[in-house]
Amino acid sequence: MADAASESAAIFKKAKTLTVSEVAILLQEHVQIMRQDNPDYQPNMLLAKTLEYTQQFSSNKNRETLEKIREALYRREFTQEEIAMVSSLELGTAEEAKKLVPSLERYSDEDLDAVLSEVATYRAYE
């Protein structure tokens, strides 16, 4: 039993934090693949509800936009968790960002506003 727990812990240490939008895209692709193999495939209730939730709350639908946002935040040394939160929450101002993601206090308001503006620009052209 301890071996199984340590294996699970090791898997999660390597895991990457995803945005709500990334989860929506991955789940949709999974359903499409399953339906290619079996046109009558219906996802179970948990998968269907999770897909519905992620689609409802996705801030981006385009994989390319998600990659640009992730790269812009990564270049500015945001952590994986910060990238996921900033990408998913559609933050408008540095003040709002710092209240919802306290670790962003390390950035000046000007720098953070510039990053949020860049992210908003990517979203606007999606």
N, C-alpha and C. Protein backbone atom coordinates (compact mmCIF):
# COMPACT_ATOMS: atom_id res chain seq x y z
N MET A 1 0.82 -1.19 0.00
CA MET A 1 0.00 0.00 0.00
C MET A 1 0.87 1.26 0.00
N ALA A 2 1.95 1.25 0.75
CA ALA A 2 2.85 2.40 0.81
C ALA A 2 3.51 2.64 -0.54
N ASP A 3 3.81 1.54 -1.27
CA ASP A 3 4.41 1.68 -2.60
C ASP A 3 3.46 2.38 -3.56
N ALA A 4 2.19 2.03 -3.51
CA ALA A 4 1.21 2.67 -4.39
C ALA A 4 1.09 4.15 -4.06
N ALA A 5 1.12 4.49 -2.79
CA ALA A 5 1.02 5.89 -2.39
C ALA A 5 2.25 6.67 -2.86
N SER A 6 3.43 6.07 -2.73
CA SER A 6 4.64 6.78 -3.17
C SER A 6 4.69 6.90 -4.69
N GLU A 7 4.15 5.91 -5.41
CA GLU A 7 4.06 6.02 -6.87
C GLU A 7 3.13 7.16 -7.26
N SER A 8 1.99 7.27 -6.59
CA SER A 8 1.05 8.36 -6.87
C SER A 8 1.70 9.70 -6.58
N ALA A 9 2.40 9.80 -5.48
CA ALA A 9 3.07 11.05 -5.13
C ALA A 9 4.10 11.42 -6.18
N ALA A 10 4.84 10.44 -6.68
CA ALA A 10 5.85 10.71 -7.71
C ALA A 10 5.22 11.21 -9.00
N ILE A 11 4.10 10.64 -9.37
CA ILE A 11 3.40 11.08 -10.58
C ILE A 11 2.98 12.53 -10.45
N PHE A 12 2.42 12.90 -9.31
CA PHE A 12 1.92 14.26 -9.13
C PHE A 12 3.05 15.28 -9.00
N LYS A 13 4.23 14.85 -8.57
CA LYS A 13 5.36 15.78 -8.51
C LYS A 13 5.78 16.22 -9.92
N LYS A 14 5.56 15.35 -10.89
CA LYS A 14 5.92 15.66 -12.28
C LYS A 14 4.77 16.32 -13.03
N ALA A 15 3.61 16.37 -12.44
CA ALA A 15 2.42 16.88 -13.12
C ALA A 15 2.53 18.39 -13.36
N LYS A 16 1.93 18.82 -14.44
CA LYS A 16 1.91 20.23 -14.81
C LYS A 16 0.52 20.78 -14.48
N THR A 17 0.47 21.98 -13.93
CA THR A 17 -0.80 22.61 -13.63
C THR A 17 -1.43 23.09 -14.93
N LEU A 18 -2.71 22.79 -15.11
CA LEU A 18 -3.43 23.16 -16.32
C LEU A 18 -4.44 24.26 -16.03
N THR A 19 -4.73 25.04 -17.05
CA THR A 19 -5.79 26.04 -16.94
C THR A 19 -7.12 25.34 -17.19
N VAL A 20 -8.20 26.00 -16.81
CA VAL A 20 -9.54 25.46 -17.08
C VAL A 20 -9.71 25.26 -18.58
N SER A 21 -9.23 26.20 -19.37
CA SER A 21 -9.36 26.11 -20.83
C SER A 21 -8.58 24.93 -21.39
N GLU A 22 -7.39 24.67 -20.86
CA GLU A 22 -6.60 23.53 -21.32
C GLU A 22 -7.30 22.21 -21.00
N VAL A 23 -7.89 22.13 -19.82
CA VAL A 23 -8.63 20.92 -19.45
C VAL A 23 -9.82 20.73 -20.40
N ALA A 24 -10.52 21.80 -20.72
CA ALA A 24 -11.66 21.70 -21.64
C ALA A 24 -11.22 21.16 -23.00
N ILE A 25 -10.12 21.67 -23.51
CA ILE A 25 -9.62 21.20 -24.81
C ILE A 25 -9.22 19.74 -24.74
N LEU A 26 -8.51 19.35 -23.70
CA LEU A 26 -8.08 17.95 -23.57
C LEU A 26 -9.26 17.00 -23.45
N LEU A 27 -10.25 17.37 -22.66
CA LEU A 27 -11.43 16.50 -22.51
C LEU A 27 -12.22 16.41 -23.80
N GLN A 28 -12.36 17.53 -24.50
CA GLN A 28 -13.08 17.52 -25.78
C GLN A 28 -12.36 16.63 -26.79
N GLU A 29 -11.04 16.72 -26.83
CA GLU A 29 -10.26 15.87 -27.74
C GLU A 29 -10.42 14.40 -27.37
N HIS A 30 -10.44 14.11 -26.07
CA HIS A 30 -10.63 12.72 -25.62
C HIS A 30 -11.97 12.18 -26.11
N VAL A 31 -13.02 12.97 -25.93
CA VAL A 31 -14.36 12.54 -26.36
C VAL A 31 -14.38 12.33 -27.87
N GLN A 32 -13.75 13.22 -28.63
CA GLN A 32 -13.71 13.08 -30.09
C GLN A 32 -12.99 11.80 -30.50
N ILE A 33 -11.88 11.50 -29.85
CA ILE A 33 -11.13 10.27 -30.15
C ILE A 33 -11.97 9.05 -29.84
N MET A 34 -12.63 9.07 -28.70
CA MET A 34 -13.48 7.93 -28.33
C MET A 34 -14.61 7.75 -29.33
N ARG A 35 -15.16 8.84 -29.84
CA ARG A 35 -16.27 8.75 -30.81
C ARG A 35 -15.79 8.32 -32.19
N GLN A 36 -14.52 8.54 -32.49
CA GLN A 36 -13.98 8.03 -33.75
C GLN A 36 -13.94 6.50 -33.71
N ASP A 37 -13.56 5.97 -32.56
CA ASP A 37 -13.51 4.51 -32.38
C ASP A 37 -14.90 3.91 -32.26
N ASN A 38 -15.80 4.65 -31.62
CA ASN A 38 -17.16 4.16 -31.39
C ASN A 38 -18.13 5.34 -31.52
N PRO A 39 -18.79 5.48 -32.68
CA PRO A 39 -19.68 6.62 -32.89
C PRO A 39 -20.81 6.75 -31.86
N ASP A 40 -21.13 5.67 -31.16
CA ASP A 40 -22.18 5.71 -30.15
C ASP A 40 -21.66 6.06 -28.76
N TYR A 41 -20.36 6.33 -28.65
CA TYR A 41 -19.75 6.61 -27.36
C TYR A 41 -20.42 7.80 -26.67
N GLN A 42 -20.74 7.61 -25.41
CA GLN A 42 -21.25 8.67 -24.55
C GLN A 42 -20.36 8.71 -23.30
N PRO A 43 -19.81 9.86 -22.97
CA PRO A 43 -18.97 9.93 -21.77
C PRO A 43 -19.80 9.66 -20.52
N ASN A 44 -19.13 9.10 -19.50
CA ASN A 44 -19.85 8.87 -18.24
C ASN A 44 -20.23 10.22 -17.63
N MET A 45 -21.08 10.18 -16.63
CA MET A 45 -21.63 11.41 -16.06
C MET A 45 -20.54 12.33 -15.51
N LEU A 46 -19.54 11.78 -14.86
CA LEU A 46 -18.47 12.60 -14.30
C LEU A 46 -17.71 13.33 -15.40
N LEU A 47 -17.35 12.61 -16.45
CA LEU A 47 -16.64 13.23 -17.57
C LEU A 47 -17.52 14.27 -18.26
N ALA A 48 -18.77 13.94 -18.48
CA ALA A 48 -19.69 14.87 -19.15
C ALA A 48 -19.87 16.15 -18.34
N LYS A 49 -20.03 16.03 -17.03
CA LYS A 49 -20.22 17.21 -16.18
C LYS A 49 -18.93 18.04 -16.10
N THR A 50 -17.79 17.36 -16.04
CA THR A 50 -16.52 18.07 -16.00
C THR A 50 -16.29 18.83 -17.30
N LEU A 51 -16.59 18.19 -18.41
CA LEU A 51 -16.46 18.84 -19.71
C LEU A 51 -17.40 20.04 -19.81
N GLU A 52 -18.62 19.87 -19.37
CA GLU A 52 -19.60 20.97 -19.38
C GLU A 52 -19.10 22.15 -18.55
N TYR A 53 -18.60 21.87 -17.36
CA TYR A 53 -18.08 22.91 -16.47
C TYR A 53 -16.90 23.64 -17.11
N THR A 54 -15.94 22.87 -17.62
CA THR A 54 -14.74 23.50 -18.18
C THR A 54 -15.07 24.32 -19.43
N GLN A 55 -16.01 23.86 -20.22
CA GLN A 55 -16.41 24.63 -21.40
C GLN A 55 -17.12 25.92 -20.98
N GLN A 56 -17.93 25.84 -19.95
CA GLN A 56 -18.65 27.02 -19.48
C GLN A 56 -17.70 28.09 -18.93
N PHE A 57 -16.65 27.66 -18.24
CA PHE A 57 -15.76 28.60 -17.58
C PHE A 57 -14.43 28.81 -18.29
N SER A 58 -14.29 28.27 -19.48
CA SER A 58 -13.07 28.48 -20.26
C SER A 58 -12.97 29.93 -20.68
N SER A 59 -11.80 30.49 -20.49
CA SER A 59 -11.59 31.86 -20.92
C SER A 59 -11.05 31.91 -22.34
N ASN A 60 -10.54 30.79 -22.83
CA ASN A 60 -10.00 30.71 -24.18
C ASN A 60 -10.40 29.39 -24.81
N LYS A 61 -10.72 29.42 -26.08
CA LYS A 61 -11.11 28.20 -26.78
C LYS A 61 -10.04 27.74 -27.76
N ASN A 62 -9.07 28.60 -28.03
CA ASN A 62 -8.08 28.36 -29.06
C ASN A 62 -6.75 27.92 -28.43
N ARG A 63 -6.25 26.78 -28.86
CA ARG A 63 -5.01 26.23 -28.30
C ARG A 63 -3.84 27.20 -28.53
N GLU A 64 -3.78 27.83 -29.69
CA GLU A 64 -2.68 28.74 -30.00
C GLU A 64 -2.68 29.94 -29.04
N THR A 65 -3.86 30.46 -28.74
CA THR A 65 -3.97 31.57 -27.78
C THR A 65 -3.49 31.13 -26.41
N LEU A 66 -3.89 29.95 -26.00
CA LEU A 66 -3.46 29.42 -24.70
C LEU A 66 -1.94 29.30 -24.63
N GLU A 67 -1.34 28.83 -25.71
CA GLU A 67 0.12 28.69 -25.74
C GLU A 67 0.80 30.05 -25.66
N LYS A 68 0.27 31.05 -26.35
CA LYS A 68 0.85 32.40 -26.30
C LYS A 68 0.75 32.99 -24.90
N ILE A 69 -0.39 32.81 -24.27
CA ILE A 69 -0.57 33.32 -22.90
C ILE A 69 0.38 32.62 -21.94
N ARG A 70 0.45 31.30 -22.04
CA ARG A 70 1.34 30.53 -21.16
C ARG A 70 2.79 30.99 -21.37
N GLU A 71 3.20 31.16 -22.61
CA GLU A 71 4.58 31.59 -22.91
C GLU A 71 4.86 32.99 -22.37
N ALA A 72 3.92 33.91 -22.54
CA ALA A 72 4.11 35.28 -22.05
C ALA A 72 4.30 35.29 -20.53
N LEU A 73 3.53 34.49 -19.83
CA LEU A 73 3.63 34.44 -18.37
C LEU A 73 4.90 33.70 -17.94
N TYR A 74 5.25 32.65 -18.66
CA TYR A 74 6.46 31.88 -18.35
C TYR A 74 7.70 32.76 -18.52
N ARG A 75 7.73 33.57 -19.58
CA ARG A 75 8.88 34.47 -19.83
C ARG A 75 9.09 35.43 -18.66
N ARG A 76 8.03 35.76 -17.98
CA ARG A 76 8.12 36.69 -16.85
C ARG A 76 8.27 35.95 -15.51
N GLU A 77 8.60 34.68 -15.62
CA GLU A 77 8.92 33.84 -14.46
C GLU A 77 7.75 33.62 -13.51
N PHE A 78 6.55 33.54 -14.07
CA PHE A 78 5.40 33.12 -13.27
C PHE A 78 5.56 31.63 -13.01
N THR A 79 5.11 31.17 -11.85
CA THR A 79 5.13 29.74 -11.55
C THR A 79 4.02 29.05 -12.35
N GLN A 80 4.07 27.73 -12.41
CA GLN A 80 3.02 26.99 -13.11
C GLN A 80 1.64 27.29 -12.51
N GLU A 81 1.59 27.37 -11.20
CA GLU A 81 0.32 27.64 -10.53
C GLU A 81 -0.18 29.05 -10.85
N GLU A 82 0.73 30.02 -10.86
CA GLU A 82 0.35 31.39 -11.20
C GLU A 82 -0.12 31.49 -12.65
N ILE A 83 0.55 30.78 -13.54
CA ILE A 83 0.14 30.77 -14.94
C ILE A 83 -1.28 30.24 -15.06
N ALA A 84 -1.57 29.14 -14.38
CA ALA A 84 -2.91 28.56 -14.45
C ALA A 84 -3.96 29.51 -13.89
N MET A 85 -3.65 30.14 -12.76
CA MET A 85 -4.63 31.04 -12.14
C MET A 85 -4.85 32.30 -12.97
N VAL A 86 -3.78 32.93 -13.42
CA VAL A 86 -3.92 34.16 -14.20
C VAL A 86 -4.62 33.87 -15.52
N SER A 87 -4.30 32.74 -16.13
CA SER A 87 -4.94 32.37 -17.40
C SER A 87 -6.42 32.07 -17.22
N SER A 88 -6.77 31.44 -16.13
CA SER A 88 -8.15 31.02 -15.91
C SER A 88 -9.05 32.12 -15.36
N LEU A 89 -8.50 33.04 -14.60
CA LEU A 89 -9.32 34.02 -13.89
C LEU A 89 -9.65 35.29 -14.68
N GLU A 90 -8.99 35.52 -15.79
CA GLU A 90 -9.24 36.74 -16.59
C GLU A 90 -9.13 38.00 -15.72
N LEU A 91 -8.00 38.16 -15.10
CA LEU A 91 -7.76 39.29 -14.20
C LEU A 91 -7.61 40.58 -14.99
N GLY A 92 -8.16 41.67 -14.46
CA GLY A 92 -8.15 42.93 -15.18
C GLY A 92 -7.10 43.92 -14.73
N THR A 93 -6.78 43.92 -13.44
CA THR A 93 -5.83 44.90 -12.91
C THR A 93 -4.82 44.21 -12.00
N ALA A 94 -3.70 44.90 -11.78
CA ALA A 94 -2.69 44.36 -10.88
C ALA A 94 -3.26 44.20 -9.47
N GLU A 95 -4.06 45.16 -9.05
CA GLU A 95 -4.67 45.09 -7.71
C GLU A 95 -5.53 43.83 -7.56
N GLU A 96 -6.36 43.59 -8.56
CA GLU A 96 -7.21 42.39 -8.54
C GLU A 96 -6.36 41.13 -8.55
N ALA A 97 -5.33 41.12 -9.39
CA ALA A 97 -4.45 39.95 -9.50
C ALA A 97 -3.78 39.65 -8.16
N LYS A 98 -3.29 40.67 -7.50
CA LYS A 98 -2.59 40.47 -6.23
C LYS A 98 -3.53 40.03 -5.12
N LYS A 99 -4.77 40.45 -5.17
CA LYS A 99 -5.74 40.00 -4.16
C LYS A 99 -6.09 38.53 -4.35
N LEU A 100 -6.23 38.11 -5.60
CA LEU A 100 -6.62 36.72 -5.88
C LEU A 100 -5.44 35.76 -5.94
N VAL A 101 -4.27 36.28 -6.27
CA VAL A 101 -3.05 35.46 -6.36
C VAL A 101 -1.96 36.20 -5.57
N PRO A 102 -1.95 36.04 -4.24
CA PRO A 102 -1.04 36.82 -3.39
C PRO A 102 0.44 36.71 -3.74
N SER A 103 0.86 35.61 -4.32
CA SER A 103 2.27 35.46 -4.68
C SER A 103 2.71 36.46 -5.75
N LEU A 104 1.77 37.10 -6.42
CA LEU A 104 2.10 38.09 -7.45
C LEU A 104 2.53 39.43 -6.85
N GLU A 105 2.49 39.55 -5.53
CA GLU A 105 2.94 40.77 -4.85
C GLU A 105 4.39 41.10 -5.19
N ARG A 106 5.16 40.13 -5.63
CA ARG A 106 6.56 40.36 -5.95
C ARG A 106 6.74 41.24 -7.20
N TYR A 107 5.68 41.43 -7.97
CA TYR A 107 5.73 42.27 -9.17
C TYR A 107 5.19 43.66 -8.85
N SER A 108 5.75 44.66 -9.50
CA SER A 108 5.20 46.02 -9.35
C SER A 108 3.86 46.06 -10.07
N ASP A 109 3.02 47.01 -9.68
CA ASP A 109 1.72 47.16 -10.34
C ASP A 109 1.90 47.43 -11.83
N GLU A 110 2.90 48.23 -12.18
CA GLU A 110 3.13 48.57 -13.58
C GLU A 110 3.50 47.33 -14.39
N ASP A 111 4.42 46.52 -13.85
CA ASP A 111 4.83 45.30 -14.56
C ASP A 111 3.66 44.33 -14.70
N LEU A 112 2.92 44.17 -13.63
CA LEU A 112 1.80 43.24 -13.65
C LEU A 112 0.69 43.73 -14.58
N ASP A 113 0.41 45.02 -14.57
CA ASP A 113 -0.59 45.57 -15.50
C ASP A 113 -0.16 45.35 -16.95
N ALA A 114 1.13 45.47 -17.23
CA ALA A 114 1.63 45.25 -18.59
C ALA A 114 1.42 43.80 -19.01
N VAL A 115 1.69 42.87 -18.11
CA VAL A 115 1.48 41.44 -18.40
C VAL A 115 -0.01 41.17 -18.64
N LEU A 116 -0.85 41.68 -17.76
CA LEU A 116 -2.30 41.46 -17.90
C LEU A 116 -2.83 42.07 -19.19
N SER A 117 -2.27 43.19 -19.58
CA SER A 117 -2.67 43.83 -20.84
C SER A 117 -2.28 42.95 -22.03
N GLU A 118 -1.09 42.37 -21.98
CA GLU A 118 -0.65 41.47 -23.05
C GLU A 118 -1.57 40.26 -23.14
N VAL A 119 -1.90 39.68 -22.00
CA VAL A 119 -2.80 38.53 -21.97
C VAL A 119 -4.17 38.91 -22.54
N ALA A 120 -4.67 40.08 -22.17
CA ALA A 120 -5.96 40.54 -22.68
C ALA A 120 -5.92 40.73 -24.19
N THR A 121 -4.79 41.19 -24.70
CA THR A 121 -4.64 41.37 -26.15
C THR A 121 -4.74 40.03 -26.87
N TYR A 122 -4.08 39.01 -26.33
CA TYR A 122 -4.16 37.68 -26.95
C TYR A 122 -5.60 37.19 -26.96
N ARG A 123 -6.31 37.42 -25.85
CA ARG A 123 -7.70 36.97 -25.77
C ARG A 123 -8.60 37.71 -26.76
N ALA A 124 -8.33 38.99 -26.95
CA ALA A 124 -9.17 39.80 -27.84
C ALA A 124 -9.09 39.34 -29.29
N TYR A 125 -7.97 38.76 -29.68
CA TYR A 125 -7.79 38.33 -31.06
C TYR A 125 -8.02 36.84 -31.25
N GLU A 126 -8.64 36.21 -30.29
CA GLU A 126 -8.89 34.77 -30.37
C GLU A 126 -9.92 34.46 -31.43
